[in-house]
Amino acid sequence: MNKISLALWIIFSFITIQMNAQQIKMEPTPKVNPESSIHDGQNDFDFEIGEWKTQLKVLSKPLSGSTSWEEFEGITTVTKVWNGQANLVELSADGPSGQIIALSLRLYNPQSRQWSLNFSRLNSGKMAIPSIGEFKNGRGEFYNQEIFNGRSIFVRFIISDITKNTCRFEQAYSEDGGKTWEVNWIALDTRM
């Protein structure tokens, strides 16, 4: 292709693009205030501040086919910190096999409007991988991915059945990418 042919081809292409652009009706993009359409979840855990009687069931051997559950009873204390952008959960429960002493630090991210649930047991000396999520329609769903018995699994934590004086916590594992879930932790809290 010589220089004149190349120049004509470029001019023809430019004119064609301009003509096509004029034929396309451009609709104005509606202006939506993203702040008004997204729930600000900073106060989603306010219902839980205070002391609770906790009835806890823990699956003895998760993801093993076991149907044996251990039952515990204890106290959960939830304290609001950082003006509501965090709270601290302290659990102490006793059962036939011993005691569960655990701590959960929940942190609110104002940019994503999501919470991270950071859990630790007294004897572990470290925080587990945080579960991230939010509340929708009165139900909190939080997820993470971690290693359990050498395998990568999904973890789901649900907070539901929330009333002024009761709430339910449920943890489940999935080893098939979230197709099926096995519940392994159920806590029913009643306000004291």
C-alpha atoms as a PDB file:
ATOM      1  CA  MET A   1       0.000   0.000   0.000  1.00  0.00           C
ATOM      2  CA  ASN A   2       1.504   3.353  -1.028  1.00  0.00           C
ATOM      3  CA  LYS A   3       1.378   6.526   1.047  1.00  0.00           C
ATOM      4  CA  ILE A   4      -1.594   7.993  -0.809  1.00  0.00           C
ATOM      5  CA  SER A   5      -3.647   4.801  -0.431  1.00  0.00           C
ATOM      6  CA  LEU A   6      -2.776   4.598   3.270  1.00  0.00           C
ATOM      7  CA  ALA A   7      -3.779   8.259   3.790  1.00  0.00           C
ATOM      8  CA  LEU A   8      -7.095   7.710   1.965  1.00  0.00           C
ATOM      9  CA  TRP A   9      -7.764   4.565   4.011  1.00  0.00           C
ATOM     10  CA  ILE A  10      -7.127   6.461   7.291  1.00  0.00           C
ATOM     11  CA  ILE A  11      -9.400   9.353   6.210  1.00  0.00           C
ATOM     12  CA  PHE A  12     -12.146   6.939   5.066  1.00  0.00           C
ATOM     13  CA  SER A  13     -11.925   5.000   8.374  1.00  0.00           C
ATOM     14  CA  PHE A  14     -12.131   8.225  10.407  1.00  0.00           C
ATOM     15  CA  ILE A  15     -15.182   9.455   8.447  1.00  0.00           C
ATOM     16  CA  THR A  16     -16.904   6.063   8.823  1.00  0.00           C
ATOM     17  CA  ILE A  17     -16.307   6.041  12.570  1.00  0.00           C
ATOM     18  CA  GLN A  18     -17.669   9.601  12.893  1.00  0.00           C
ATOM     19  CA  MET A  19     -20.790   8.733  10.883  1.00  0.00           C
ATOM     20  CA  ASN A  20     -21.446   5.639  12.984  1.00  0.00           C
ATOM     21  CA  ALA A  21     -20.973   7.593  16.206  1.00  0.00           C
ATOM     22  CA  GLN A  22     -23.561  10.173  15.092  1.00  0.00           C
ATOM     23  CA  GLN A  23     -26.056   7.395  14.327  1.00  0.00           C
ATOM     24  CA  ILE A  24     -25.765   5.950  17.828  1.00  0.00           C
ATOM     25  CA  LYS A  25     -28.181   7.677  20.173  1.00  0.00           C
ATOM     26  CA  MET A  26     -26.280   8.454  23.347  1.00  0.00           C
ATOM     27  CA  GLU A  27     -28.472   8.211  26.464  1.00  0.00           C
ATOM     28  CA  PRO A  28     -27.338  10.284  29.437  1.00  0.00           C
ATOM     29  CA  THR A  29     -26.145   8.170  32.337  1.00  0.00           C
ATOM     30  CA  PRO A  30     -28.516   8.589  35.248  1.00  0.00           C
ATOM     31  CA  LYS A  31     -26.874  10.163  38.246  1.00  0.00           C
ATOM     32  CA  VAL A  32     -27.230   7.851  41.212  1.00  0.00           C
ATOM     33  CA  ASN A  33     -25.947   8.722  44.604  1.00  0.00           C
ATOM     34  CA  PRO A  34     -24.158   5.519  45.637  1.00  0.00           C
ATOM     35  CA  GLU A  35     -24.379   6.567  49.265  1.00  0.00           C
ATOM     36  CA  SER A  36     -28.179   6.381  49.227  1.00  0.00           C
ATOM     37  CA  SER A  37     -28.480   2.912  47.687  1.00  0.00           C
ATOM     38  CA  ILE A  38     -25.974   1.085  49.887  1.00  0.00           C
ATOM     39  CA  HIS A  39     -26.763   0.130  53.479  1.00  0.00           C
ATOM     40  CA  ASP A  40     -24.379   1.620  56.037  1.00  0.00           C
ATOM     41  CA  GLY A  41     -23.840  -1.378  58.297  1.00  0.00           C
ATOM     42  CA  GLN A  42     -21.872   0.301  61.058  1.00  0.00           C
ATOM     43  CA  ASN A  43     -24.682  -0.262  63.567  1.00  0.00           C
ATOM     44  CA  ASP A  44     -25.621  -3.784  62.503  1.00  0.00           C
ATOM     45  CA  PHE A  45     -24.189  -5.358  65.667  1.00  0.00           C
ATOM     46  CA  ASP A  46     -25.718  -2.833  68.074  1.00  0.00           C
ATOM     47  CA  PHE A  47     -28.501  -5.327  68.890  1.00  0.00           C
ATOM     48  CA  GLU A  48     -25.922  -7.587  70.533  1.00  0.00           C
ATOM     49  CA  ILE A  49     -24.204  -5.190  72.952  1.00  0.00           C
ATOM     50  CA  GLY A  50     -24.440  -6.570  76.499  1.00  0.00           C
ATOM     51  CA  GLU A  51     -24.475  -9.954  78.247  1.00  0.00           C
ATOM     52  CA  TRP A  52     -26.041 -13.120  76.877  1.00  0.00           C
ATOM     53  CA  LYS A  53     -26.640 -16.634  78.108  1.00  0.00           C
ATOM     54  CA  THR A  54     -25.187 -18.924  75.435  1.00  0.00           C
ATOM     55  CA  GLN A  55     -26.255 -22.479  74.621  1.00  0.00           C
ATOM     56  CA  LEU A  56     -23.654 -23.892  72.255  1.00  0.00           C
ATOM     57  CA  LYS A  57     -23.497 -27.096  70.215  1.00  0.00           C
ATOM     58  CA  VAL A  58     -20.234 -28.058  68.495  1.00  0.00           C
ATOM     59  CA  LEU A  59     -19.870 -30.937  66.022  1.00  0.00           C
ATOM     60  CA  SER A  60     -17.203 -33.241  67.471  1.00  0.00           C
ATOM     61  CA  LYS A  61     -15.354 -34.067  64.248  1.00  0.00           C
ATOM     62  CA  PRO A  62     -16.318 -31.790  61.330  1.00  0.00           C
ATOM     63  CA  LEU A  63     -16.102 -33.119  57.767  1.00  0.00           C
ATOM     64  CA  SER A  64     -15.615 -36.690  58.965  1.00  0.00           C
ATOM     65  CA  GLY A  65     -19.169 -37.983  58.680  1.00  0.00           C
ATOM     66  CA  SER A  66     -19.583 -37.674  62.455  1.00  0.00           C
ATOM     67  CA  THR A  67     -23.004 -36.783  63.847  1.00  0.00           C
ATOM     68  CA  SER A  68     -21.795 -36.495  67.450  1.00  0.00           C
ATOM     69  CA  TRP A  69     -22.334 -33.080  69.020  1.00  0.00           C
ATOM     70  CA  GLU A  70     -20.913 -31.606  72.246  1.00  0.00           C
ATOM     71  CA  GLU A  71     -23.053 -29.186  74.226  1.00  0.00           C
ATOM     72  CA  PHE A  72     -21.820 -26.207  76.239  1.00  0.00           C
ATOM     73  CA  GLU A  73     -23.439 -23.472  78.304  1.00  0.00           C
ATOM     74  CA  GLY A  74     -21.929 -20.166  79.178  1.00  0.00           C
ATOM     75  CA  ILE A  75     -21.867 -16.403  78.927  1.00  0.00           C
ATOM     76  CA  THR A  76     -21.158 -14.147  75.961  1.00  0.00           C
ATOM     77  CA  THR A  77     -20.303 -10.505  76.598  1.00  0.00           C
ATOM     78  CA  VAL A  78     -20.306  -8.042  73.690  1.00  0.00           C
ATOM     79  CA  THR A  79     -18.703  -4.617  74.089  1.00  0.00           C
ATOM     80  CA  LYS A  80     -18.928  -1.772  71.587  1.00  0.00           C
ATOM     81  CA  VAL A  81     -15.582  -0.114  70.807  1.00  0.00           C
ATOM     82  CA  TRP A  82     -14.322   2.588  68.439  1.00  0.00           C
ATOM     83  CA  ASN A  83     -17.693   4.365  68.487  1.00  0.00           C
ATOM     84  CA  GLY A  84     -19.402   1.346  66.907  1.00  0.00           C
ATOM     85  CA  GLN A  85     -16.869   0.619  64.173  1.00  0.00           C
ATOM     86  CA  ALA A  86     -15.791  -2.436  66.148  1.00  0.00           C
ATOM     87  CA  ASN A  87     -16.962  -4.688  68.917  1.00  0.00           C
ATOM     88  CA  LEU A  88     -15.379  -7.280  71.133  1.00  0.00           C
ATOM     89  CA  VAL A  89     -17.074 -10.602  71.882  1.00  0.00           C
ATOM     90  CA  GLU A  90     -15.936 -12.696  74.853  1.00  0.00           C
ATOM     91  CA  LEU A  91     -17.289 -16.249  75.163  1.00  0.00           C
ATOM     92  CA  SER A  92     -16.799 -18.556  78.117  1.00  0.00           C
ATOM     93  CA  ALA A  93     -18.722 -21.847  78.021  1.00  0.00           C
ATOM     94  CA  ASP A  94     -18.468 -25.146  79.905  1.00  0.00           C
ATOM     95  CA  GLY A  95     -19.392 -28.641  78.750  1.00  0.00           C
ATOM     96  CA  PRO A  96     -18.666 -32.298  79.543  1.00  0.00           C
ATOM     97  CA  SER A  97     -15.447 -32.248  77.504  1.00  0.00           C
ATOM     98  CA  GLY A  98     -14.104 -29.033  79.030  1.00  0.00           C
ATOM     99  CA  GLN A  99     -14.279 -25.310  78.507  1.00  0.00           C
ATOM    100  CA  ILE A 100     -14.362 -23.036  75.460  1.00  0.00           C
ATOM    101  CA  ILE A 101     -12.882 -19.597  76.015  1.00  0.00           C
ATOM    102  CA  ALA A 102     -12.925 -17.518  72.857  1.00  0.00           C
ATOM    103  CA  LEU A 103     -12.697 -13.960  71.637  1.00  0.00           C
ATOM    104  CA  SER A 104     -14.010 -12.343  68.477  1.00  0.00           C
ATOM    105  CA  LEU A 105     -12.936  -8.912  67.319  1.00  0.00           C
ATOM    106  CA  ARG A 106     -15.385  -7.577  64.739  1.00  0.00           C
ATOM    107  CA  LEU A 107     -14.164  -4.682  62.623  1.00  0.00           C
ATOM    108  CA  TYR A 108     -16.303  -2.499  60.357  1.00  0.00           C
ATOM    109  CA  ASN A 109     -14.855  -1.225  57.076  1.00  0.00           C
ATOM    110  CA  PRO A 110     -16.670   2.025  56.145  1.00  0.00           C
ATOM    111  CA  GLN A 111     -15.422   1.910  52.526  1.00  0.00           C
ATOM    112  CA  SER A 112     -16.780  -1.574  51.725  1.00  0.00           C
ATOM    113  CA  ARG A 113     -19.537  -1.374  54.359  1.00  0.00           C
ATOM    114  CA  GLN A 114     -18.612  -4.892  55.455  1.00  0.00           C
ATOM    115  CA  TRP A 115     -17.529  -6.483  58.699  1.00  0.00           C
ATOM    116  CA  SER A 116     -14.590  -8.782  59.342  1.00  0.00           C
ATOM    117  CA  LEU A 117     -15.065 -11.333  62.119  1.00  0.00           C
ATOM    118  CA  ASN A 118     -11.713 -12.206  63.695  1.00  0.00           C
ATOM    119  CA  PHE A 119     -11.918 -15.235  65.997  1.00  0.00           C
ATOM    120  CA  SER A 120      -9.471 -16.739  68.470  1.00  0.00           C
ATOM    121  CA  ARG A 121      -9.535 -19.377  71.184  1.00  0.00           C
ATOM    122  CA  LEU A 122      -7.593 -18.823  74.386  1.00  0.00           C
ATOM    123  CA  ASN A 123      -5.231 -21.738  73.783  1.00  0.00           C
ATOM    124  CA  SER A 124      -4.430 -20.890  70.126  1.00  0.00           C
ATOM    125  CA  GLY A 125      -2.513 -17.647  70.644  1.00  0.00           C
ATOM    126  CA  LYS A 126      -3.527 -16.354  67.194  1.00  0.00           C
ATOM    127  CA  MET A 127      -6.480 -15.089  65.211  1.00  0.00           C
ATOM    128  CA  ALA A 128      -8.145 -17.315  62.633  1.00  0.00           C
ATOM    129  CA  ILE A 129      -8.588 -16.119  59.052  1.00  0.00           C
ATOM    130  CA  PRO A 130     -11.289 -13.422  59.233  1.00  0.00           C
ATOM    131  CA  SER A 131     -14.738 -14.052  57.808  1.00  0.00           C
ATOM    132  CA  ILE A 132     -15.955 -11.090  55.748  1.00  0.00           C
ATOM    133  CA  GLY A 133     -19.571 -10.150  55.093  1.00  0.00           C
ATOM    134  CA  GLU A 134     -22.560  -8.014  55.915  1.00  0.00           C
ATOM    135  CA  PHE A 135     -26.165  -7.956  57.034  1.00  0.00           C
ATOM    136  CA  LYS A 136     -29.040  -7.999  54.554  1.00  0.00           C
ATOM    137  CA  ASN A 137     -32.685  -8.150  55.563  1.00  0.00           C
ATOM    138  CA  GLY A 138     -31.845  -8.873  59.200  1.00  0.00           C
ATOM    139  CA  ARG A 139     -29.444 -11.732  58.440  1.00  0.00           C
ATOM    140  CA  GLY A 140     -25.660 -11.588  58.585  1.00  0.00           C
ATOM    141  CA  GLU A 141     -23.579 -13.767  56.240  1.00  0.00           C
ATOM    142  CA  PHE A 142     -19.809 -13.954  56.483  1.00  0.00           C
ATOM    143  CA  TYR A 143     -17.375 -16.120  54.487  1.00  0.00           C
ATOM    144  CA  ASN A 144     -13.737 -17.103  54.345  1.00  0.00           C
ATOM    145  CA  GLN A 145     -11.482 -19.787  52.943  1.00  0.00           C
ATOM    146  CA  GLU A 146      -9.068 -21.675  55.159  1.00  0.00           C
ATOM    147  CA  ILE A 147      -7.151 -24.909  55.560  1.00  0.00           C
ATOM    148  CA  PHE A 148      -8.807 -27.684  57.587  1.00  0.00           C
ATOM    149  CA  ASN A 149      -7.091 -31.054  57.988  1.00  0.00           C
ATOM    150  CA  GLY A 150      -4.704 -30.117  55.177  1.00  0.00           C
ATOM    151  CA  ARG A 151      -7.505 -29.280  52.706  1.00  0.00           C
ATOM    152  CA  SER A 152      -8.757 -25.914  51.517  1.00  0.00           C
ATOM    153  CA  ILE A 153     -12.381 -25.374  52.565  1.00  0.00           C
ATOM    154  CA  PHE A 154     -14.963 -22.595  52.593  1.00  0.00           C
ATOM    155  CA  VAL A 155     -16.342 -21.356  55.910  1.00  0.00           C
ATOM    156  CA  ARG A 156     -19.740 -19.694  56.278  1.00  0.00           C
ATOM    157  CA  PHE A 157     -20.906 -17.921  59.429  1.00  0.00           C
ATOM    158  CA  ILE A 158     -24.568 -16.878  59.671  1.00  0.00           C
ATOM    159  CA  ILE A 159     -26.257 -14.667  62.259  1.00  0.00           C
ATOM    160  CA  SER A 160     -30.044 -14.988  62.134  1.00  0.00           C
ATOM    161  CA  ASP A 161     -33.301 -15.046  64.097  1.00  0.00           C
ATOM    162  CA  ILE A 162     -32.395 -11.703  65.654  1.00  0.00           C
ATOM    163  CA  THR A 163     -34.845 -10.271  68.154  1.00  0.00           C
ATOM    164  CA  LYS A 164     -34.424  -7.885  71.060  1.00  0.00           C
ATOM    165  CA  ASN A 165     -33.668 -10.808  73.397  1.00  0.00           C
ATOM    166  CA  THR A 166     -32.448 -13.700  71.221  1.00  0.00           C
ATOM    167  CA  CYS A 167     -30.196 -14.478  68.272  1.00  0.00           C
ATOM    168  CA  ARG A 168     -28.676 -17.506  66.539  1.00  0.00           C
ATOM    169  CA  PHE A 169     -25.136 -18.097  65.272  1.00  0.00           C
ATOM    170  CA  GLU A 170     -24.271 -20.918  62.896  1.00  0.00           C
ATOM    171  CA  GLN A 171     -20.962 -21.918  61.339  1.00  0.00           C
ATOM    172  CA  ALA A 172     -20.671 -24.397  58.468  1.00  0.00           C
ATOM    173  CA  TYR A 173     -17.859 -25.872  56.365  1.00  0.00           C
ATOM    174  CA  SER A 174     -17.868 -26.769  52.683  1.00  0.00           C
ATOM    175  CA  GLU A 175     -15.219 -28.921  51.057  1.00  0.00           C
ATOM    176  CA  ASP A 176     -16.881 -28.856  47.607  1.00  0.00           C
ATOM    177  CA  GLY A 177     -16.650 -25.161  46.786  1.00  0.00           C
ATOM    178  CA  GLY A 178     -19.901 -24.156  48.489  1.00  0.00           C
ATOM    179  CA  LYS A 179     -22.209 -26.706  46.824  1.00  0.00           C
ATOM    180  CA  THR A 180     -22.984 -28.349  50.159  1.00  0.00           C
ATOM    181  CA  TRP A 181     -22.447 -27.183  53.728  1.00  0.00           C
ATOM    182  CA  GLU A 182     -21.999 -29.089  56.988  1.00  0.00           C
ATOM    183  CA  VAL A 183     -23.050 -27.122  60.076  1.00  0.00           C
ATOM    184  CA  ASN A 184     -20.544 -27.555  62.921  1.00  0.00           C
ATOM    185  CA  TRP A 185     -21.294 -24.755  65.415  1.00  0.00           C
ATOM    186  CA  ILE A 186     -24.706 -23.565  66.635  1.00  0.00           C
ATOM    187  CA  ALA A 187     -25.066 -20.953  69.369  1.00  0.00           C
ATOM    188  CA  LEU A 188     -28.388 -19.737  70.681  1.00  0.00           C
ATOM    189  CA  ASP A 189     -28.040 -16.574  72.755  1.00  0.00           C
ATOM    190  CA  THR A 190     -30.645 -15.212  75.169  1.00  0.00           C
ATOM    191  CA  ARG A 191     -30.250 -11.791  76.742  1.00  0.00           C
ATOM    192  CA  MET A 192     -29.573 -11.838  80.477  1.00  0.00           C
END
